[in-house]
Amino acid sequence: MLDNPRSPRVRAVAKLAKRDARLEMGLFLLEGPQAVSEALAFRPELVLELYATPTALDRYTEIAATAEEAGIEIEFVTEEVLDAMADTVTPQGFVAVCHQFPTSVKKIFAAGPKLVAILEEVRDPGNAGTIIRAADAAGADAVILTGRSVDLYNPKVIRSSTGSIFHLPVAIAADLDDVLSRAKAAGLQLLAADVKGDDLLEARTSGLLLAPTAWLFGNEARGLTDENLKGVDRSVKVPIYGHAESMNLATAASVCLYESAFAQRS
């Protein structure tokens, strides 16, 4: 039982809440039973260390079974130690240390994708994680974060994705021009989500969304620049029929990705 919240080992885990430490060590922090379960089920080779309170392990016996099957030892810790390790106030009894595992942009497009989400200067970790989750749910083939976007391994991104980062390829620190060029070369049309674009309903009825597509999503406050939009085939907006002043980026991205998913499966 690890019971000293001030021990060097505990501090080393807690440091992974900081970007510099994650970059230096090539590791990231995973918290909570849902995220840990997804990592063990889909990418157990990434799990370097796994910590749990006895109470949490009694409650989630399936995690113990999956970890044992994968040959991963669970180390018991006290509530105080878990709180010291975690980035959240309520880590729900589990913390894991995992290896980072970005995918290359080249590999993504070499696989012949039909639906890809590209995030340019998306800075809010909650939005980034939610878009990854939505892309996973919509059956997208990959997500690409440009170098101007939030760090994929930010604890808030990881939590917001609810384990979806383990389900589909995600590239990071990509150059937008290179990504757009590779997407076109792979036969994907480039659609930008932009408030000045054509109505999404028109895009749906015209059959535009039937084709393999890479969706480009921009910054929460400023959207996409004119320079960004020069590189796409068409801009599309999600219409607002009510009185809302605007729509959250992650919500709009979810709508766009699902519209493409519906069209491609129709």
Protein backbone atom coordinates (compact mmCIF):
# COMPACT_ATOMS: atom_id res chain seq x y z
CA MET A 1 0.00 0.00 0.00
CA LEU A 2 1.47 3.34 -1.09
CA ASP A 3 0.48 5.72 1.70
CA ASN A 4 2.81 8.73 1.59
CA PRO A 5 1.36 11.53 -0.57
CA ARG A 6 4.70 13.37 -0.45
CA SER A 7 6.85 10.52 -1.71
CA PRO A 8 8.99 11.06 -4.85
CA ARG A 9 6.97 8.45 -6.73
CA VAL A 10 3.69 10.22 -6.04
CA ARG A 11 5.17 13.57 -7.00
CA ALA A 12 6.48 12.12 -10.27
CA VAL A 13 2.98 10.98 -11.21
CA ALA A 14 1.44 14.32 -10.19
CA LYS A 15 3.95 16.20 -12.38
CA LEU A 16 2.28 14.74 -15.47
CA ALA A 17 -0.49 17.30 -15.04
CA LYS A 18 2.09 19.77 -16.43
CA ARG A 19 2.85 19.90 -20.15
CA ASP A 20 6.62 20.25 -19.75
CA ALA A 21 6.79 17.04 -17.70
CA ARG A 22 4.66 15.18 -20.23
CA LEU A 23 6.91 16.31 -23.09
CA GLU A 24 10.07 15.37 -21.23
CA MET A 25 8.86 11.91 -20.18
CA GLY A 26 6.61 10.98 -23.11
CA LEU A 27 3.91 9.97 -20.65
CA PHE A 28 0.46 11.19 -19.64
CA LEU A 29 -2.02 10.85 -16.80
CA LEU A 30 -5.23 8.84 -16.96
CA GLU A 31 -7.91 9.16 -14.28
CA GLY A 32 -11.15 7.42 -13.41
CA PRO A 33 -12.59 3.95 -14.02
CA GLN A 34 -14.04 4.71 -17.47
CA ALA A 35 -10.79 5.93 -19.03
CA VAL A 36 -8.75 3.19 -17.34
CA SER A 37 -11.19 0.52 -18.56
CA GLU A 38 -10.91 1.77 -22.16
CA ALA A 39 -7.11 1.83 -22.01
CA LEU A 40 -6.97 -1.73 -20.65
CA ALA A 41 -9.49 -2.99 -23.20
CA PHE A 42 -8.06 -1.33 -26.32
CA ARG A 43 -4.41 -0.37 -25.66
CA PRO A 44 -3.13 -2.22 -22.57
CA GLU A 45 0.46 -2.01 -23.85
CA LEU A 46 0.36 1.73 -23.17
CA VAL A 47 -0.33 1.37 -19.45
CA LEU A 48 2.93 1.77 -17.55
CA GLU A 49 1.60 2.09 -13.99
CA LEU A 50 -1.85 1.56 -12.51
CA TYR A 51 -2.93 2.75 -9.07
CA ALA A 52 -6.24 2.16 -7.26
CA THR A 53 -7.78 2.41 -3.83
CA PRO A 54 -9.03 -0.90 -2.38
CA THR A 55 -12.56 0.51 -2.24
CA ALA A 56 -12.54 1.41 -5.94
CA LEU A 57 -11.18 -1.98 -6.94
CA ASP A 58 -13.90 -3.73 -4.93
CA ARG A 59 -16.47 -1.68 -6.81
CA TYR A 60 -14.98 -2.19 -10.28
CA THR A 61 -13.94 -5.83 -10.19
CA GLU A 62 -13.90 -6.03 -14.00
CA ILE A 63 -10.93 -3.63 -14.08
CA ALA A 64 -8.94 -5.98 -11.85
CA ALA A 65 -9.78 -8.91 -14.14
CA THR A 66 -8.84 -7.02 -17.32
CA ALA A 67 -5.59 -5.77 -15.80
CA GLU A 68 -4.65 -9.28 -14.67
CA GLU A 69 -5.38 -10.65 -18.12
CA ALA A 70 -3.12 -7.98 -19.65
CA GLY A 71 -0.37 -8.73 -17.13
CA ILE A 72 -0.60 -5.31 -15.50
CA GLU A 73 -0.05 -5.09 -11.75
CA ILE A 74 -2.34 -2.79 -9.77
CA GLU A 75 -0.74 -0.99 -6.86
CA PHE A 76 -2.96 -0.10 -3.93
CA VAL A 77 -2.85 3.48 -2.66
CA THR A 78 -4.68 5.45 -0.02
CA GLU A 79 -7.30 8.09 -0.86
CA GLU A 80 -4.79 10.77 0.14
CA VAL A 81 -2.16 9.43 -2.25
CA LEU A 82 -4.64 9.17 -5.11
CA ASP A 83 -5.79 12.75 -4.51
CA ALA A 84 -2.16 13.90 -4.59
CA MET A 85 -1.54 12.11 -7.90
CA ALA A 86 -4.69 13.19 -9.70
CA ASP A 87 -5.45 16.38 -11.57
CA THR A 88 -9.14 16.26 -10.63
CA VAL A 89 -10.77 16.82 -7.27
CA THR A 90 -12.60 13.48 -7.53
CA PRO A 91 -10.46 10.92 -9.42
CA GLN A 92 -12.91 8.10 -8.56
CA GLY A 93 -10.35 5.69 -7.22
CA PHE A 94 -8.11 5.09 -10.26
CA VAL A 95 -5.01 6.73 -11.73
CA ALA A 96 -2.81 5.34 -14.48
CA VAL A 97 0.40 6.47 -16.13
CA CYS A 98 0.45 5.77 -19.88
CA HIS A 99 2.86 6.11 -22.79
CA GLN A 100 1.97 8.78 -25.35
CA PHE A 101 1.03 7.29 -28.72
CA PRO A 102 0.47 9.87 -31.48
CA THR A 103 -0.12 8.68 -35.05
CA SER A 104 1.60 10.28 -38.03
CA VAL A 105 -0.44 12.31 -40.53
CA LYS A 106 1.15 10.28 -43.33
CA LYS A 107 -0.11 7.03 -41.83
CA ILE A 108 -3.64 8.39 -41.39
CA PHE A 109 -4.06 9.32 -45.05
CA ALA A 110 -2.24 6.23 -46.31
CA ALA A 111 -5.04 4.14 -44.75
CA GLY A 112 -7.65 5.56 -47.15
CA PRO A 113 -9.91 7.36 -44.67
CA LYS A 114 -13.47 8.41 -45.47
CA LEU A 115 -14.05 10.82 -42.60
CA VAL A 116 -11.44 12.88 -40.74
CA ALA A 117 -11.66 15.77 -38.27
CA ILE A 118 -8.93 18.44 -38.39
CA LEU A 119 -8.59 20.84 -35.46
CA GLU A 120 -6.81 24.14 -36.16
CA GLU A 121 -6.05 26.32 -33.13
CA VAL A 122 -8.70 24.65 -30.98
CA ARG A 123 -7.50 25.78 -27.58
CA ASP A 124 -10.16 24.63 -25.13
CA PRO A 125 -9.30 21.14 -23.83
CA GLY A 126 -12.95 20.31 -23.19
CA ASN A 127 -13.83 21.09 -26.80
CA ALA A 128 -10.92 19.09 -28.17
CA GLY A 129 -11.74 16.04 -26.07
CA THR A 130 -15.43 16.23 -26.91
CA ILE A 131 -14.70 16.48 -30.65
CA ILE A 132 -12.49 13.38 -30.41
CA ARG A 133 -15.34 11.61 -28.63
CA ALA A 134 -17.85 12.73 -31.26
CA ALA A 135 -15.54 11.67 -34.09
CA ASP A 136 -15.21 8.26 -32.49
CA ALA A 137 -18.99 7.95 -32.07
CA ALA A 138 -19.60 9.01 -35.68
CA GLY A 139 -17.21 6.36 -36.94
CA ALA A 140 -14.58 8.81 -38.17
CA ASP A 141 -11.26 7.32 -39.21
CA ALA A 142 -8.99 9.81 -37.46
CA VAL A 143 -8.58 13.17 -35.74
CA ILE A 144 -5.70 15.55 -36.45
CA LEU A 145 -4.64 18.36 -34.13
CA THR A 146 -2.43 21.04 -35.65
CA GLY A 147 0.50 22.46 -33.72
CA ARG A 148 -1.58 25.51 -32.79
CA SER A 149 -4.15 23.40 -30.94
CA VAL A 150 -4.25 22.28 -27.32
CA ASP A 151 -2.00 19.44 -26.16
CA LEU A 152 -3.76 16.11 -26.76
CA TYR A 153 -2.41 14.77 -23.46
CA ASN A 154 -3.74 17.62 -21.35
CA PRO A 155 -5.67 15.87 -18.53
CA LYS A 156 -8.86 17.79 -19.42
CA VAL A 157 -8.65 16.62 -23.05
CA ILE A 158 -8.18 13.05 -21.89
CA ARG A 159 -11.15 13.25 -19.51
CA SER A 160 -13.42 14.89 -22.09
CA SER A 161 -12.68 12.16 -24.62
CA THR A 162 -13.90 9.53 -22.10
CA GLY A 163 -11.53 6.95 -23.50
CA SER A 164 -12.10 7.65 -27.20
CA ILE A 165 -8.42 8.52 -27.66
CA PHE A 166 -7.79 4.77 -27.44
CA HIS A 167 -10.29 3.97 -30.20
CA LEU A 168 -9.09 5.91 -33.25
CA PRO A 169 -5.82 7.37 -34.57
CA VAL A 170 -5.01 10.90 -33.42
CA ALA A 171 -2.15 12.95 -34.89
CA ILE A 172 -0.68 15.94 -33.08
CA ALA A 173 1.49 19.00 -33.80
CA ALA A 174 0.63 18.82 -37.50
CA ASP A 175 1.21 21.59 -40.03
CA LEU A 176 -2.17 22.66 -41.44
CA ASP A 177 -0.95 23.23 -45.02
CA ASP A 178 0.65 19.79 -45.05
CA VAL A 179 -2.52 18.18 -43.66
CA LEU A 180 -4.76 19.82 -46.27
CA SER A 181 -2.39 18.86 -49.06
CA ARG A 182 -2.27 15.23 -47.94
CA ALA A 183 -6.04 15.10 -47.55
CA LYS A 184 -6.57 16.28 -51.11
CA ALA A 185 -3.98 13.84 -52.42
CA ALA A 186 -5.84 11.04 -50.62
CA GLY A 187 -9.04 11.98 -52.46
CA LEU A 188 -10.90 13.69 -49.62
CA GLN A 189 -12.90 16.85 -50.12
CA LEU A 190 -12.12 19.62 -47.62
CA LEU A 191 -15.07 21.19 -45.84
CA ALA A 192 -14.64 23.99 -43.32
CA ALA A 193 -17.13 24.67 -40.54
CA ASP A 194 -17.52 28.44 -40.80
CA VAL A 195 -20.30 30.89 -39.85
CA LYS A 196 -20.01 32.55 -43.27
CA GLY A 197 -20.40 29.28 -45.16
CA ASP A 198 -23.30 27.67 -47.00
CA ASP A 199 -26.18 26.16 -45.05
CA LEU A 200 -25.52 22.59 -43.89
CA LEU A 201 -29.04 21.57 -44.96
CA GLU A 202 -28.19 22.63 -48.53
CA ALA A 203 -25.00 20.62 -48.39
CA ARG A 204 -27.00 17.61 -47.25
CA THR A 205 -29.69 17.84 -49.92
CA SER A 206 -27.20 18.49 -52.72
CA GLY A 207 -25.36 15.24 -51.99
CA LEU A 208 -22.15 17.06 -51.06
CA LEU A 209 -21.71 15.03 -47.90
CA LEU A 210 -21.69 11.68 -49.67
CA ALA A 211 -18.02 12.03 -50.64
CA PRO A 212 -15.07 11.15 -48.39
CA THR A 213 -14.53 14.27 -46.30
CA ALA A 214 -12.03 16.00 -44.06
CA TRP A 215 -13.78 18.55 -41.84
CA LEU A 216 -11.76 21.56 -40.68
CA PHE A 217 -12.70 23.16 -37.35
CA GLY A 218 -11.16 26.40 -36.08
CA ASN A 219 -10.60 28.44 -32.97
CA GLU A 220 -13.49 28.83 -30.52
CA ALA A 221 -13.41 32.64 -30.53
CA ARG A 222 -12.03 33.60 -33.96
CA GLY A 223 -12.99 30.64 -36.10
CA LEU A 224 -10.89 30.05 -39.22
CA THR A 225 -8.82 32.74 -40.91
CA ASP A 226 -9.24 33.77 -44.54
CA GLU A 227 -5.91 32.11 -45.19
CA ASN A 228 -7.20 28.83 -43.69
CA LEU A 229 -10.33 28.99 -45.84
CA LYS A 230 -8.33 29.39 -49.06
CA GLY A 231 -7.19 25.81 -48.71
CA VAL A 232 -10.65 24.20 -48.51
CA ASP A 233 -13.18 23.23 -51.17
CA ARG A 234 -16.21 24.70 -49.46
CA SER A 235 -17.33 26.34 -46.22
CA VAL A 236 -20.44 25.14 -44.44
CA LYS A 237 -22.31 26.51 -41.44
CA VAL A 238 -24.62 24.82 -38.97
CA PRO A 239 -27.81 26.94 -39.04
CA ILE A 240 -29.29 28.33 -35.85
CA TYR A 241 -33.08 28.25 -36.01
CA GLY A 242 -33.73 29.50 -32.49
CA HIS A 243 -32.50 32.55 -30.62
CA ALA A 244 -29.11 31.26 -29.46
CA GLU A 245 -26.35 33.78 -30.04
CA SER A 246 -23.96 31.07 -31.21
CA MET A 247 -23.20 27.38 -31.00
CA ASN A 248 -20.44 25.72 -29.01
CA LEU A 249 -17.61 24.48 -31.26
CA ALA A 250 -17.80 20.89 -30.05
CA THR A 251 -21.56 20.81 -30.62
CA ALA A 252 -21.23 22.19 -34.15
CA ALA A 253 -18.41 19.75 -34.92
CA SER A 254 -20.54 16.85 -33.67
CA VAL A 255 -23.38 17.88 -36.00
CA CYS A 256 -21.05 18.16 -39.00
CA LEU A 257 -19.37 14.83 -38.37
CA TYR A 258 -22.67 13.04 -37.91
CA GLU A 259 -24.15 14.60 -41.04
CA SER A 260 -21.24 13.16 -43.00
CA ALA A 261 -21.59 9.83 -41.23
CA PHE A 262 -25.32 9.68 -42.04
CA ALA A 263 -24.71 10.59 -45.70
CA GLN A 264 -21.87 8.13 -46.19
CA ARG A 265 -23.95 5.31 -44.70
CA SER A 266 -27.22 6.17 -46.46
